[in-house]
Amino acid sequence: MQYESISVTPVSPNIGAEVGNIDLTKPLNNRQVEELHGALADHLVLFFRDQKLDHESQKALGRHFGKLHISVGGDGTNSKALAGDPEVRALHFDENSERVSGETWHTDQSCAKVPPMGSILYLHTVPPKGGGDTMFASMYAAYDALSDRMKAYLTGLTAVHDGTRAFEKTANNNPPISTHPLITKHPVSGRKLIFFTGLIVTKINGLPPDESDAIIAYLSKHCEHPDFQYRFRWKPHSVAFWDNRCAHHRAIWDYWPHTRSGFRIQIQADAPPIPA
């Protein structure tokens, strides 16, 4: 689309764009919101620099895309909902952290019956010498790279996403277990993609166990191919807004004992993933 109120600069062939000429701390006009919707559909992940967000401005951005989602899990120490404001989750990792969230490739909370549409992460503090990057991967590109025979084989199959694999020790309630199609169609773009999280997919329905395990292993490796990826290098007061329906991401923990700290919100989707 043509952008008039914001600037949009792609950062890689398959995923990601930096957005400029916008102040997320102030109310957005209709044209800005329309162009942000278009940019997210085109680029899957949007990056913003020098945005000193407070909780209300971060939530206001999310509400332009839907109702806010309350996260399933969190460890209560490094990742926890704010008291009295459960839609905002504080993510803080420092010299006392024993692990960080999201160290494996995933799409957020795919175990939910209706996984969140998107996530907005704002970091105010980052390691002083770099590190703590977030990697993103396009599941459109992952689907397009499959052979025609593999596309035909996977289309129509469903997978079990078991939340106990990720949230057993941290969820506020019983972690959800849901079944979703492996190949889905994005509700906005109409493009086909692979909907898959290797960490929590326990089986492919309708296949013998050994065949199911082999497909899970294949897709886990395939979706991690570097051709589909972009690595975002954080600076203080940066924002990443990703479309959870078509993008994988992974946090890099290479900065211990330094601090990486900020806040994340998530946005509800209107419906479960759509079979392609």
Protein backbone atom coordinates (compact mmCIF):
# COMPACT_ATOMS: atom_id res chain seq x y z
CA MET A 1 0.00 0.00 0.00
CA GLN A 2 0.97 3.65 -0.28
CA TYR A 3 1.97 5.28 3.00
CA GLU A 4 1.21 8.95 3.55
CA SER A 5 1.21 9.46 7.32
CA ILE A 6 4.05 7.09 8.31
CA SER A 7 7.27 5.81 6.78
CA VAL A 8 7.75 2.07 6.34
CA THR A 9 11.18 0.64 5.53
CA PRO A 10 11.48 -3.14 4.95
CA VAL A 11 14.42 -4.74 6.79
CA SER A 12 14.57 -8.12 5.03
CA PRO A 13 13.02 -9.84 2.01
CA ASN A 14 10.51 -11.94 3.95
CA ILE A 15 9.73 -10.28 7.25
CA GLY A 16 9.93 -7.04 9.18
CA ALA A 17 9.82 -3.27 8.60
CA GLU A 18 10.88 -0.23 10.60
CA VAL A 19 8.15 2.38 11.00
CA GLY A 20 9.00 6.06 11.35
CA ASN A 21 7.30 9.44 11.35
CA ILE A 22 5.00 8.38 14.20
CA ASP A 23 4.77 9.08 17.93
CA LEU A 24 3.13 6.16 19.72
CA THR A 25 2.93 8.13 22.97
CA LYS A 26 0.22 10.33 21.41
CA PRO A 27 -3.26 9.44 20.12
CA LEU A 28 -3.16 8.11 16.56
CA ASN A 29 -5.43 9.41 13.82
CA ASN A 30 -7.50 7.21 11.53
CA ARG A 31 -5.04 7.42 8.65
CA GLN A 32 -2.12 6.34 10.85
CA VAL A 33 -4.12 3.40 12.19
CA GLU A 34 -5.16 2.33 8.69
CA GLU A 35 -1.57 2.45 7.47
CA LEU A 36 -0.30 0.52 10.50
CA HIS A 37 -2.84 -2.20 9.73
CA GLY A 38 -1.61 -2.31 6.15
CA ALA A 39 2.05 -2.33 7.18
CA LEU A 40 1.52 -5.22 9.62
CA ALA A 41 -0.30 -7.22 6.93
CA ASP A 42 2.52 -6.56 4.46
CA HIS A 43 5.51 -7.11 6.74
CA LEU A 44 4.35 -9.36 9.65
CA VAL A 45 6.48 -7.51 12.24
CA LEU A 46 6.78 -3.74 12.77
CA PHE A 47 9.67 -2.09 14.62
CA PHE A 48 9.62 1.36 16.21
CA ARG A 49 12.51 3.35 17.73
CA ASP A 50 12.62 6.06 20.40
CA GLN A 51 9.13 5.47 21.77
CA LYS A 52 8.98 6.07 25.54
CA LEU A 53 5.71 4.26 26.10
CA ASP A 54 3.76 4.11 29.31
CA HIS A 55 1.25 1.32 29.92
CA GLU A 56 -1.71 3.32 28.65
CA SER A 57 -0.07 4.29 25.35
CA GLN A 58 1.08 0.70 24.78
CA LYS A 59 -2.42 -0.61 25.43
CA ALA A 60 -3.93 2.12 23.26
CA LEU A 61 -1.82 0.94 20.33
CA GLY A 62 -2.97 -2.63 20.86
CA ARG A 63 -6.64 -1.67 21.07
CA HIS A 64 -6.49 -0.27 17.54
CA PHE A 65 -6.13 -3.93 16.49
CA GLY A 66 -8.55 -5.65 18.88
CA LYS A 67 -9.35 -6.41 22.48
CA LEU A 68 -6.40 -7.08 24.74
CA HIS A 69 -5.54 -10.66 25.69
CA ILE A 70 -4.56 -11.89 29.16
CA SER A 71 -1.57 -14.23 28.99
CA VAL A 72 -1.75 -17.88 30.07
CA GLY A 73 1.57 -18.17 31.87
CA GLY A 74 4.51 -16.40 33.45
CA ASP A 75 6.94 -17.45 36.16
CA GLY A 76 5.86 -14.84 38.71
CA THR A 77 9.38 -13.42 38.94
CA ASN A 78 10.90 -12.63 35.54
CA SER A 79 7.61 -12.65 33.65
CA LYS A 80 4.49 -11.56 35.50
CA ALA A 81 1.30 -9.60 35.02
CA LEU A 82 1.18 -6.24 36.72
CA ALA A 83 -0.87 -6.04 39.91
CA GLY A 84 -4.21 -4.53 39.00
CA ASP A 85 -3.35 -4.46 35.28
CA PRO A 86 -3.30 -8.08 34.05
CA GLU A 87 -3.22 -7.07 30.38
CA VAL A 88 0.35 -5.80 30.85
CA ARG A 89 3.12 -8.30 31.52
CA ALA A 90 6.48 -7.20 32.93
CA LEU A 91 9.47 -9.01 31.42
CA HIS A 92 12.63 -8.46 33.47
CA PHE A 93 15.83 -10.50 33.26
CA ASP A 94 19.08 -9.74 35.07
CA GLU A 95 21.96 -11.35 36.98
CA ASN A 96 19.48 -13.24 39.18
CA SER A 97 17.59 -14.84 36.30
CA GLU A 98 17.98 -18.58 35.81
CA ARG A 99 16.24 -18.60 32.43
CA VAL A 100 14.42 -16.30 30.04
CA SER A 101 11.08 -16.62 28.31
CA GLY A 102 10.80 -17.66 24.69
CA GLU A 103 14.22 -19.22 24.08
CA THR A 104 12.81 -21.59 21.45
CA TRP A 105 11.05 -20.78 18.18
CA HIS A 106 7.34 -20.36 18.75
CA THR A 107 4.15 -18.49 18.11
CA ASP A 108 2.67 -17.10 21.31
CA GLN A 109 0.26 -19.38 23.15
CA SER A 110 -0.69 -21.55 20.20
CA CYS A 111 -2.12 -23.94 22.81
CA ALA A 112 -5.07 -21.56 23.34
CA LYS A 113 -8.36 -22.31 21.60
CA VAL A 114 -8.04 -18.85 20.05
CA PRO A 115 -4.34 -17.88 20.10
CA PRO A 116 -3.60 -14.14 20.36
CA MET A 117 -3.62 -12.17 17.12
CA GLY A 118 -0.47 -10.25 17.98
CA SER A 119 2.00 -9.13 20.61
CA ILE A 120 3.58 -5.74 21.33
CA LEU A 121 6.86 -5.74 23.24
CA TYR A 122 8.39 -2.51 24.56
CA LEU A 123 11.88 -2.55 26.08
CA HIS A 124 13.10 0.43 28.08
CA THR A 125 16.35 -1.20 29.27
CA VAL A 126 18.68 -3.31 27.14
CA PRO A 127 22.17 -4.76 27.69
CA PRO A 128 24.88 -2.06 27.45
CA LYS A 129 27.01 -3.86 24.87
CA GLY A 130 24.33 -5.39 22.72
CA GLY A 131 22.68 -8.78 23.00
CA GLY A 132 19.16 -9.80 23.89
CA ASP A 133 18.06 -9.70 20.25
CA THR A 134 14.75 -11.16 19.12
CA MET A 135 14.64 -13.29 15.99
CA PHE A 136 11.56 -13.45 13.78
CA ALA A 137 10.64 -15.87 10.98
CA SER A 138 7.95 -15.75 8.31
CA MET A 139 5.66 -18.77 8.21
CA TYR A 140 4.48 -17.62 4.78
CA ALA A 141 8.03 -18.11 3.53
CA ALA A 142 8.25 -21.44 5.36
CA TYR A 143 5.10 -22.66 3.60
CA ASP A 144 6.19 -21.36 0.20
CA ALA A 145 9.49 -23.25 0.52
CA LEU A 146 7.77 -26.62 0.93
CA SER A 147 7.63 -28.92 -2.06
CA ASP A 148 4.26 -29.28 -3.77
CA ARG A 149 4.04 -32.86 -2.52
CA MET A 150 4.68 -31.80 1.10
CA LYS A 151 2.14 -28.99 0.83
CA ALA A 152 -0.45 -31.52 -0.36
CA TYR A 153 0.50 -33.98 2.40
CA LEU A 154 0.22 -31.42 5.23
CA THR A 155 -2.96 -29.70 4.02
CA GLY A 156 -5.93 -30.98 6.02
CA LEU A 157 -3.85 -32.35 8.90
CA THR A 158 -4.31 -31.03 12.44
CA ALA A 159 -1.91 -30.93 15.37
CA VAL A 160 -2.34 -31.04 19.14
CA HIS A 161 -0.82 -28.00 20.91
CA ASP A 162 -0.34 -29.01 24.55
CA GLY A 163 0.16 -26.04 26.89
CA THR A 164 1.48 -28.21 29.70
CA ARG A 165 4.73 -28.50 27.74
CA ALA A 166 5.38 -24.78 28.21
CA PHE A 167 3.21 -23.58 31.08
CA GLU A 168 2.82 -26.49 33.49
CA LYS A 169 4.78 -24.75 36.25
CA THR A 170 3.80 -21.17 35.51
CA ALA A 171 0.20 -20.96 34.28
CA ASN A 172 -2.38 -19.31 36.52
CA ASN A 173 -4.91 -22.00 35.59
CA ASN A 174 -4.78 -25.37 33.91
CA PRO A 175 -2.79 -24.86 30.70
CA PRO A 176 -4.99 -25.23 27.62
CA ILE A 177 -4.68 -28.03 25.09
CA SER A 178 -6.03 -27.26 21.63
CA THR A 179 -6.10 -28.71 18.13
CA HIS A 180 -5.30 -26.49 15.16
CA PRO A 181 -4.74 -27.08 11.43
CA LEU A 182 -1.11 -27.37 10.33
CA ILE A 183 -1.67 -25.32 7.20
CA THR A 184 -3.79 -22.24 7.75
CA LYS A 185 -4.97 -19.22 5.81
CA HIS A 186 -4.33 -15.74 7.19
CA PRO A 187 -7.67 -13.97 7.76
CA VAL A 188 -6.41 -10.65 6.34
CA SER A 189 -3.91 -11.50 3.61
CA GLY A 190 -5.45 -14.81 2.58
CA ARG A 191 -1.96 -16.28 2.25
CA LYS A 192 -1.20 -19.85 3.31
CA LEU A 193 1.25 -20.54 6.12
CA ILE A 194 2.51 -23.18 8.54
CA PHE A 195 0.89 -22.87 11.98
CA PHE A 196 3.17 -24.80 14.29
CA THR A 197 5.11 -24.56 17.56
CA GLY A 198 7.60 -27.39 17.89
CA LEU A 199 7.91 -27.02 21.66
CA ILE A 200 4.27 -27.81 22.40
CA VAL A 201 2.96 -29.78 19.41
CA THR A 202 2.74 -33.34 20.75
CA LYS A 203 1.20 -35.16 17.81
CA ILE A 204 -0.17 -34.86 14.30
CA ASN A 205 -3.67 -36.29 14.33
CA GLY A 206 -4.48 -39.23 12.09
CA LEU A 207 -0.86 -40.39 11.70
CA PRO A 208 0.94 -43.33 13.32
CA PRO A 209 3.13 -42.17 16.24
CA ASP A 210 6.44 -42.66 14.42
CA GLU A 211 5.21 -40.79 11.35
CA SER A 212 3.79 -38.02 13.53
CA ASP A 213 7.10 -37.68 15.38
CA ALA A 214 8.99 -37.53 12.09
CA ILE A 215 6.77 -34.73 10.74
CA ILE A 216 7.11 -32.75 13.97
CA ALA A 217 10.90 -33.08 13.77
CA TYR A 218 10.89 -32.09 10.09
CA LEU A 219 8.72 -29.01 10.61
CA SER A 220 10.71 -27.94 13.67
CA LYS A 221 13.88 -27.87 11.58
CA HIS A 222 12.24 -26.49 8.45
CA CYS A 223 10.60 -23.51 10.18
CA GLU A 224 13.99 -22.47 11.63
CA HIS A 225 15.67 -22.03 8.25
CA PRO A 226 17.66 -18.76 8.16
CA ASP A 227 16.19 -17.76 4.80
CA PHE A 228 12.90 -17.01 6.57
CA GLN A 229 14.40 -14.93 9.39
CA TYR A 230 15.30 -11.46 10.57
CA ARG A 231 17.23 -10.61 13.76
CA PHE A 232 16.08 -7.44 15.51
CA ARG A 233 18.69 -5.60 17.59
CA TRP A 234 17.09 -3.75 20.45
CA LYS A 235 17.91 -0.25 21.59
CA PRO A 236 16.39 1.49 24.64
CA HIS A 237 12.74 2.48 24.09
CA SER A 238 12.23 0.26 21.05
CA VAL A 239 9.00 -1.54 20.21
CA ALA A 240 8.34 -4.74 18.25
CA PHE A 241 4.79 -5.52 17.14
CA TRP A 242 4.35 -8.92 15.52
CA ASP A 243 1.45 -10.72 13.87
CA ASN A 244 1.27 -13.92 15.90
CA ARG A 245 -0.80 -15.66 13.22
CA CYS A 246 2.01 -15.83 10.67
CA ALA A 247 5.32 -15.08 12.44
CA HIS A 248 7.53 -17.15 14.70
CA HIS A 249 9.93 -15.52 17.14
CA ARG A 250 12.71 -16.47 19.51
CA ALA A 251 14.47 -14.58 22.32
CA ILE A 252 18.27 -14.71 22.52
CA TRP A 253 19.77 -14.95 26.02
CA ASP A 254 23.36 -13.92 25.43
CA TYR A 255 23.54 -10.96 27.83
CA TRP A 256 23.81 -12.42 31.34
CA PRO A 257 24.49 -10.84 33.87
CA HIS A 258 23.16 -7.66 32.25
CA THR A 259 19.57 -6.45 32.36
CA ARG A 260 16.89 -6.58 29.68
CA SER A 261 13.57 -5.18 30.86
CA GLY A 262 10.24 -4.01 29.49
CA PHE A 263 6.55 -4.76 29.05
CA ARG A 264 4.45 -6.86 26.69
CA ILE A 265 0.79 -6.83 25.80
CA GLN A 266 -1.13 -9.21 23.55
CA ILE A 267 -4.16 -8.73 21.33
CA GLN A 268 -7.05 -11.15 21.02
CA ALA A 269 -7.87 -12.78 17.70
CA ASP A 270 -11.43 -12.90 16.42
CA ALA A 271 -11.39 -16.64 15.69
CA PRO A 272 -9.21 -19.77 15.79
CA PRO A 273 -6.72 -20.42 12.95
CA ILE A 274 -8.48 -20.95 9.63
CA PRO A 275 -7.79 -24.20 7.72
CA ALA A 276 -6.29 -23.55 4.31
